[in-house]
C-alpha atoms as a PDB file:
ATOM      1  CA  MET A   1     106.553 104.725 118.041  1.00  0.00           C
ATOM      2  CA  ARG A   2     103.455 104.206 115.821  1.00  0.00           C
ATOM      3  CA  HIS A   3     105.643 104.591 112.666  1.00  0.00           C
ATOM      4  CA  ARG A   4     108.044 101.982 113.974  1.00  0.00           C
ATOM      5  CA  ALA A   5     105.346  99.509 114.858  1.00  0.00           C
ATOM      6  CA  MET A   6     103.628 100.100 111.523  1.00  0.00           C
ATOM      7  CA  GLY A   7     106.874  99.653 109.575  1.00  0.00           C
ATOM      8  CA  ILE A   8     107.699  96.362 111.315  1.00  0.00           C
ATOM      9  CA  LEU A   9     104.207  94.975 110.698  1.00  0.00           C
ATOM     10  CA  PHE A  10     104.317  95.978 106.989  1.00  0.00           C
ATOM     11  CA  VAL A  11     107.698  94.321 106.536  1.00  0.00           C
ATOM     12  CA  LEU A  12     106.633  91.229 108.401  1.00  0.00           C
ATOM     13  CA  SER A  13     103.481  90.973 106.289  1.00  0.00           C
ATOM     14  CA  GLY A  14     105.501  91.137 103.092  1.00  0.00           C
ATOM     15  CA  VAL A  15     108.234  88.774 104.244  1.00  0.00           C
ATOM     16  CA  PHE A  16     105.730  86.197 105.614  1.00  0.00           C
ATOM     17  CA  PHE A  17     103.834  86.207 102.316  1.00  0.00           C
ATOM     18  CA  VAL A  18     106.904  85.919 100.104  1.00  0.00           C
ATOM     19  CA  GLY A  19     108.200  83.088 102.372  1.00  0.00           C
ATOM     20  CA  GLY A  20     104.870  81.275 102.237  1.00  0.00           C
ATOM     21  CA  VAL A  21     104.489  81.466  98.472  1.00  0.00           C
ATOM     22  CA  LEU A  22     108.141  80.647  97.643  1.00  0.00           C
ATOM     23  CA  ASP A  23     108.239  77.583  99.909  1.00  0.00           C
ATOM     24  CA  PRO A  24     110.023  75.241  97.382  1.00  0.00           C
ATOM     25  CA  PRO A  25     107.799  72.128  97.612  1.00  0.00           C
ATOM     26  CA  ILE A  26     104.625  74.202  97.429  1.00  0.00           C
ATOM     27  CA  LEU A  27     105.717  76.748  94.809  1.00  0.00           C
ATOM     28  CA  PRO A  28     104.809  74.620  91.716  1.00  0.00           C
ATOM     29  CA  THR A  29     101.216  74.151  92.982  1.00  0.00           C
ATOM     30  CA  TRP A  30     100.113  77.785  92.712  1.00  0.00           C
ATOM     31  CA  GLY A  31      97.562  78.045  90.008  1.00  0.00           C
ATOM     32  CA  GLY A  32      97.153  74.221  89.791  1.00  0.00           C
ATOM     33  CA  SER A  33      94.085  72.131  90.327  1.00  0.00           C
ATOM     34  CA  ALA A  34      92.785  71.209  93.775  1.00  0.00           C
ATOM     35  CA  THR A  35      93.711  67.581  93.237  1.00  0.00           C
ATOM     36  CA  ASP A  36      97.279  68.523  92.297  1.00  0.00           C
ATOM     37  CA  VAL A  37      97.510  70.800  95.298  1.00  0.00           C
ATOM     38  CA  MET A  38      96.307  68.082  97.626  1.00  0.00           C
ATOM     39  CA  ALA A  39      98.716  65.522  96.193  1.00  0.00           C
ATOM     40  CA  THR A  40     101.662  67.879  96.739  1.00  0.00           C
ATOM     41  CA  ALA A  41     100.413  68.921 100.201  1.00  0.00           C
ATOM     42  CA  SER A  42     100.030  65.220 101.209  1.00  0.00           C
ATOM     43  CA  ALA A  43     103.582  64.489 100.114  1.00  0.00           C
ATOM     44  CA  HIS A  44     105.016  67.609 101.862  1.00  0.00           C
ATOM     45  CA  ARG A  45     102.800  68.188 104.904  1.00  0.00           C
ATOM     46  CA  ALA A  46     105.308  70.239 106.877  1.00  0.00           C
ATOM     47  CA  ALA A  47     105.965  72.565 103.931  1.00  0.00           C
ATOM     48  CA  TRP A  48     102.189  72.917 103.262  1.00  0.00           C
ATOM     49  CA  PHE A  49     101.459  73.802 106.859  1.00  0.00           C
ATOM     50  CA  ALA A  50     104.372  76.236 107.054  1.00  0.00           C
ATOM     51  CA  SER A  51     103.220  77.954 103.822  1.00  0.00           C
ATOM     52  CA  THR A  52      99.575  78.193 104.920  1.00  0.00           C
ATOM     53  CA  TRP A  53     100.476  79.586 108.349  1.00  0.00           C
ATOM     54  CA  LEU A  54     102.909  82.106 106.899  1.00  0.00           C
ATOM     55  CA  ILE A  55     100.226  83.417 104.541  1.00  0.00           C
ATOM     56  CA  THR A  56      97.730  83.570 107.408  1.00  0.00           C
ATOM     57  CA  LEU A  57     100.240  85.541 109.586  1.00  0.00           C
ATOM     58  CA  SER A  58     100.916  87.807 106.554  1.00  0.00           C
ATOM     59  CA  ILE A  59      97.268  88.704 106.237  1.00  0.00           C
ATOM     60  CA  ALA A  60      96.919  89.401 109.942  1.00  0.00           C
ATOM     61  CA  ALA A  61     100.107  91.508 110.148  1.00  0.00           C
ATOM     62  CA  GLY A  62      99.007  93.473 107.050  1.00  0.00           C
ATOM     63  CA  LEU A  63      95.602  94.265 108.619  1.00  0.00           C
ATOM     64  CA  ALA A  64      97.251  95.602 111.750  1.00  0.00           C
ATOM     65  CA  ALA A  65      99.718  97.635 109.684  1.00  0.00           C
ATOM     66  CA  VAL A  66      96.905  99.155 107.563  1.00  0.00           C
ATOM     67  CA  GLU A  67      95.054 100.095 110.760  1.00  0.00           C
ATOM     68  CA  LEU A  68      98.079 101.996 112.118  1.00  0.00           C
ATOM     69  CA  LEU A  69      98.627 103.678 108.774  1.00  0.00           C
ATOM     70  CA  VAL A  70      95.041 104.836 108.523  1.00  0.00           C
ATOM     71  CA  ARG A  71      95.190 106.236 112.046  1.00  0.00           C
ATOM     72  CA  THR A  72      98.280 108.188 111.077  1.00  0.00           C
ATOM     73  CA  LEU A  73      96.647 109.477 107.874  1.00  0.00           C
ATOM     74  CA  ASP A  74      93.330 110.342 109.614  1.00  0.00           C
ATOM     75  CA  THR A  75      91.310 111.115 106.565  1.00  0.00           C
ATOM     76  CA  ASP A  76      87.867 110.047 105.395  1.00  0.00           C
ATOM     77  CA  LEU A  77      89.339 108.357 102.235  1.00  0.00           C
ATOM     78  CA  ALA A  78      91.820 106.465 104.266  1.00  0.00           C
ATOM     79  CA  SER A  79      88.937 105.280 106.518  1.00  0.00           C
ATOM     80  CA  VAL A  80      87.163 103.964 103.459  1.00  0.00           C
ATOM     81  CA  GLY A  81      90.330 102.095 102.502  1.00  0.00           C
ATOM     82  CA  ARG A  82      90.509 100.615 105.997  1.00  0.00           C
ATOM     83  CA  SER A  83      86.912  99.341 105.782  1.00  0.00           C
ATOM     84  CA  LEU A  84      87.620  97.726 102.328  1.00  0.00           C
ATOM     85  CA  TYR A  85      90.815  96.160 103.640  1.00  0.00           C
ATOM     86  CA  LEU A  86      89.101  94.827 106.785  1.00  0.00           C
ATOM     87  CA  VAL A  87      86.427  93.114 104.756  1.00  0.00           C
ATOM     88  CA  GLY A  88      89.039  91.719 102.373  1.00  0.00           C
ATOM     89  CA  SER A  89      91.306  90.486 105.159  1.00  0.00           C
ATOM     90  CA  THR A  90      88.325  88.766 106.850  1.00  0.00           C
ATOM     91  CA  LEU A  91      87.660  86.868 103.558  1.00  0.00           C
ATOM     92  CA  GLY A  92      91.386  86.057 103.165  1.00  0.00           C
ATOM     93  CA  LEU A  93      91.553  84.728 106.743  1.00  0.00           C
ATOM     94  CA  ALA A  94      88.350  82.707 106.208  1.00  0.00           C
ATOM     95  CA  SER A  95      90.023  81.091 103.223  1.00  0.00           C
ATOM     96  CA  THR A  96      93.225  80.128 105.051  1.00  0.00           C
ATOM     97  CA  THR A  97      91.194  79.031 108.096  1.00  0.00           C
ATOM     98  CA  TYR A  98      89.295  76.660 105.872  1.00  0.00           C
ATOM     99  CA  ASP A  99      92.544  75.169 104.652  1.00  0.00           C
ATOM    100  CA  LEU A 100      93.886  74.764 108.146  1.00  0.00           C
ATOM    101  CA  SER A 101      90.742  73.285 109.602  1.00  0.00           C
ATOM    102  CA  VAL A 102      89.243  71.290 106.711  1.00  0.00           C
ATOM    103  CA  THR A 103      91.828  70.722 103.995  1.00  0.00           C
ATOM    104  CA  SER A 104      94.377  69.648 106.544  1.00  0.00           C
ATOM    105  CA  THR A 105      92.164  66.757 107.680  1.00  0.00           C
ATOM    106  CA  LEU A 106      92.043  65.370 104.134  1.00  0.00           C
ATOM    107  CA  LEU A 107      95.786  65.244 103.436  1.00  0.00           C
ATOM    108  CA  GLY A 108      96.740  61.735 102.476  1.00  0.00           C
ATOM    109  CA  ALA A 109      93.126  60.623 101.988  1.00  0.00           C
ATOM    110  CA  PRO A 110      92.876  57.937  99.286  1.00  0.00           C
ATOM    111  CA  ARG A 111      89.946  59.746  97.719  1.00  0.00           C
ATOM    112  CA  LEU A 112      88.631  63.283  98.155  1.00  0.00           C
ATOM    113  CA  PRO A 113      84.945  63.618  99.177  1.00  0.00           C
ATOM    114  CA  ASP A 114      82.571  64.794  96.504  1.00  0.00           C
ATOM    115  CA  TRP A 115      81.751  67.956  98.423  1.00  0.00           C
ATOM    116  CA  TYR A 116      85.330  69.019  98.865  1.00  0.00           C
ATOM    117  CA  LEU A 117      86.065  70.346  95.352  1.00  0.00           C
ATOM    118  CA  GLY A 118      83.060  72.642  95.436  1.00  0.00           C
ATOM    119  CA  ALA A 119      83.860  73.878  98.911  1.00  0.00           C
ATOM    120  CA  GLN A 120      87.497  74.428  98.012  1.00  0.00           C
ATOM    121  CA  HIS A 121      86.492  76.451  94.979  1.00  0.00           C
ATOM    122  CA  TRP A 122      84.323  78.620  97.254  1.00  0.00           C
ATOM    123  CA  ALA A 123      87.213  79.096  99.700  1.00  0.00           C
ATOM    124  CA  ASP A 124      89.572  79.977  96.821  1.00  0.00           C
ATOM    125  CA  GLY A 125      87.026  82.581  95.713  1.00  0.00           C
ATOM    126  CA  LEU A 126      87.220  84.233  99.105  1.00  0.00           C
ATOM    127  CA  GLY A 127      90.938  84.605  98.729  1.00  0.00           C
ATOM    128  CA  THR A 128      90.529  86.006  95.222  1.00  0.00           C
ATOM    129  CA  ALA A 129      88.006  88.621  96.424  1.00  0.00           C
ATOM    130  CA  TYR A 130      90.606  89.759  98.955  1.00  0.00           C
ATOM    131  CA  PHE A 131      93.765  89.682  96.911  1.00  0.00           C
ATOM    132  CA  ALA A 132      92.424  90.699  93.510  1.00  0.00           C
ATOM    133  CA  LEU A 133      89.597  93.144  94.389  1.00  0.00           C
ATOM    134  CA  LEU A 134      89.215  94.448  97.867  1.00  0.00           C
ATOM    135  CA  ALA A 135      92.941  94.842  98.754  1.00  0.00           C
ATOM    136  CA  PRO A 136      93.812  96.836  95.615  1.00  0.00           C
ATOM    137  CA  ALA A 137      90.729  98.983  95.993  1.00  0.00           C
ATOM    138  CA  ALA A 138      91.721  99.711  99.636  1.00  0.00           C
ATOM    139  CA  MET A 139      95.329 100.394  98.598  1.00  0.00           C
ATOM    140  CA  GLY A 140      94.099 102.888  96.017  1.00  0.00           C
ATOM    141  CA  CYS A 141      92.173 104.841  98.606  1.00  0.00           C
ATOM    142  CA  ILE A 142      95.073 104.801 101.011  1.00  0.00           C
ATOM    143  CA  ALA A 143      97.519 105.839  98.293  1.00  0.00           C
ATOM    144  CA  VAL A 144      95.571 108.978  97.534  1.00  0.00           C
ATOM    145  CA  ALA A 145      95.394 109.761 101.218  1.00  0.00           C
ATOM    146  CA  ILE A 146      99.173 109.451 101.497  1.00  0.00           C
ATOM    147  CA  LEU A 147      99.690 111.775  98.539  1.00  0.00           C
ATOM    148  CA  ARG A 148      97.330 114.337 100.080  1.00  0.00           C
ATOM    149  CA  THR A 149      98.633 114.312 103.647  1.00  0.00           C
ATOM    150  CA  ARG A 150     102.360 113.658 103.045  1.00  0.00           C
ATOM    151  CA  ALA A 151     102.377 111.492 106.289  1.00  0.00           C
ATOM    152  CA  LEU A 152     104.817 109.232 104.381  1.00  0.00           C
ATOM    153  CA  PRO A 153     107.117 110.023 101.440  1.00  0.00           C
ATOM    154  CA  ARG A 154     105.138 110.677  98.261  1.00  0.00           C
ATOM    155  CA  TRP A 155     106.768 107.731  96.510  1.00  0.00           C
ATOM    156  CA  THR A 156     105.065 105.303  98.924  1.00  0.00           C
ATOM    157  CA  GLY A 157     101.713 106.554  97.635  1.00  0.00           C
ATOM    158  CA  TYR A 158     102.734 105.849  94.101  1.00  0.00           C
ATOM    159  CA  VAL A 159     104.027 102.428  95.024  1.00  0.00           C
ATOM    160  CA  PHE A 160     100.605 101.624  96.527  1.00  0.00           C
ATOM    161  CA  LEU A 161      98.860 102.945  93.369  1.00  0.00           C
ATOM    162  CA  ILE A 162     101.045 100.876  91.117  1.00  0.00           C
ATOM    163  CA  ALA A 163     100.441  97.754  93.156  1.00  0.00           C
ATOM    164  CA  ALA A 164      96.715  98.364  93.062  1.00  0.00           C
ATOM    165  CA  VAL A 165      96.707  98.781  89.281  1.00  0.00           C
ATOM    166  CA  LEU A 166      98.795  95.619  88.792  1.00  0.00           C
ATOM    167  CA  LEU A 167      96.477  93.575  90.997  1.00  0.00           C
ATOM    168  CA  LEU A 168      93.281  94.858  89.307  1.00  0.00           C
ATOM    169  CA  GLY A 169      94.929  94.336  85.880  1.00  0.00           C
ATOM    170  CA  GLN A 170      95.709  90.704  86.775  1.00  0.00           C
ATOM    171  CA  TYR A 171      92.075  90.111  87.743  1.00  0.00           C
ATOM    172  CA  ALA A 172      90.802  91.729  84.568  1.00  0.00           C
ATOM    173  CA  ALA A 173      93.096  89.558  82.439  1.00  0.00           C
ATOM    174  CA  PHE A 174      93.069  86.285  84.310  1.00  0.00           C
ATOM    175  CA  ARG A 175      90.210  86.441  86.801  1.00  0.00           C
ATOM    176  CA  GLY A 176      92.722  85.927  89.526  1.00  0.00           C
ATOM    177  CA  ALA A 177      95.781  87.538  91.025  1.00  0.00           C
ATOM    178  CA  LEU A 178      99.148  86.495  92.305  1.00  0.00           C
ATOM    179  CA  PRO A 179      99.474  89.122  95.010  1.00  0.00           C
ATOM    180  CA  PHE A 180     103.238  89.784  94.925  1.00  0.00           C
ATOM    181  CA  PRO A 181     102.650  93.507  94.026  1.00  0.00           C
ATOM    182  CA  GLN A 182     100.698  94.020  97.253  1.00  0.00           C
ATOM    183  CA  PHE A 183     103.161  92.487  99.566  1.00  0.00           C
ATOM    184  CA  LEU A 184     106.292  93.898  97.806  1.00  0.00           C
ATOM    185  CA  ALA A 185     104.613  97.256  98.203  1.00  0.00           C
ATOM    186  CA  PHE A 186     104.056  96.505 101.887  1.00  0.00           C
ATOM    187  CA  ILE A 187     107.803  95.810 102.377  1.00  0.00           C
ATOM    188  CA  ALA A 188     108.704  99.089 100.632  1.00  0.00           C
ATOM    189  CA  VAL A 189     106.236 101.151 102.665  1.00  0.00           C
ATOM    190  CA  GLY A 190     107.321  99.398 105.901  1.00  0.00           C
ATOM    191  CA  ILE A 191     110.968 100.244 105.254  1.00  0.00           C
ATOM    192  CA  ALA A 192     109.992 103.854 104.537  1.00  0.00           C
ATOM    193  CA  ALA A 193     108.062 104.041 107.869  1.00  0.00           C
ATOM    194  CA  LEU A 194     111.053 102.605 109.733  1.00  0.00           C
ATOM    195  CA  VAL A 195     113.602 105.037 108.343  1.00  0.00           C
ATOM    196  CA  GLN A 196     111.343 108.123 108.491  1.00  0.00           C
ATOM    197  CA  ARG A 197     111.909 110.307 111.500  1.00  0.00           C
ATOM    198  CA  ALA A 198     108.904 111.775 113.249  1.00  0.00           C
ATOM    199  CA  PRO A 199     108.971 115.546 113.322  1.00  0.00           C
ATOM    200  CA  THR A 200     110.040 117.022 116.698  1.00  0.00           C
ATOM    201  CA  ALA A 201     109.266 120.474 118.111  1.00  0.00           C
ATOM    202  CA  PRO A 202     112.291 122.765 118.141  1.00  0.00           C
ATOM    203  CA  SER A 203     113.883 123.411 121.482  1.00  0.00           C
ATOM    204  CA  PRO A 204     114.283 127.053 122.669  1.00  0.00           C
ATOM    205  CA  SER A 205     118.039 126.750 122.216  1.00  0.00           C
ATOM    206  CA  ASN A 206     117.558 126.054 118.539  1.00  0.00           C
ATOM    207  CA  GLU A 207     115.316 129.081 117.837  1.00  0.00           C
ATOM    208  CA  PRO A 208     116.851 132.025 115.976  1.00  0.00           C
ATOM    209  CA  ASP A 209     118.329 134.803 118.188  1.00  0.00           C
ATOM    210  CA  GLY A 210     117.823 132.806 121.351  1.00  0.00           C
ATOM    211  CA  GLY A 211     114.043 132.413 120.978  1.00  0.00           C
ATOM    212  CA  PRO A 212     111.260 134.121 122.956  1.00  0.00           C
ATOM    213  CA  ALA A 213     113.288 134.169 126.190  1.00  0.00           C
ATOM    214  CA  ALA A 214     116.053 136.229 124.658  1.00  0.00           C
ATOM    215  CA  ALA A 215     113.472 138.631 123.168  1.00  0.00           C
ATOM    216  CA  ILE A 216     111.946 139.173 126.600  1.00  0.00           C
ATOM    217  CA  ILE A 217     115.335 139.677 128.222  1.00  0.00           C
ATOM    218  CA  GLY A 218     116.260 142.146 125.452  1.00  0.00           C
ATOM    219  CA  ARG A 219     113.190 144.295 126.191  1.00  0.00           C
ATOM    220  CA  THR A 220     113.929 144.501 129.938  1.00  0.00           C
END
């Protein structure tokens, strides 16, 4: 049951994120200036709200999925990864909460307040800390735990490692990250968790030579 819930949450996290980022009216604004983003958001309010809410739900679902995965792995290194991911998710949610509570009130304003650009830069920095630094560090720890415990197929650990390297590489090169590697990895790991069957104890009828009961009968 835990594998199924974890798989669903990982897949939902990835799908929500991809849907939020690829929202057609909002897609051209990624990486643009705050004024360009506000202009587009003001012209496409419904799309902007949908995109922001989908990314918020993606972060929340990913946090819950990581928690279930770490409980399954049950190692110290996985617990370190959980702590890093919890801090990162908190920062990411703070960033989207700022948009939903503050940026949303300025949509359509004839002129942005002087304080807004500085505050928006700070909020974007929280998202960057999550997506580009803390999330990949957490995924690296969890990947090693997966490879050690074999709680999931080995390839899922390598998928997490590759995503972590790509995210950190983006930050090193551009001081930012477009977090597709993270959420595509979530979808892959979620599918693996959904199709993996939990091991079950063999029943007496499946044991060789009839199992312990037959051995006892044979000695009487």
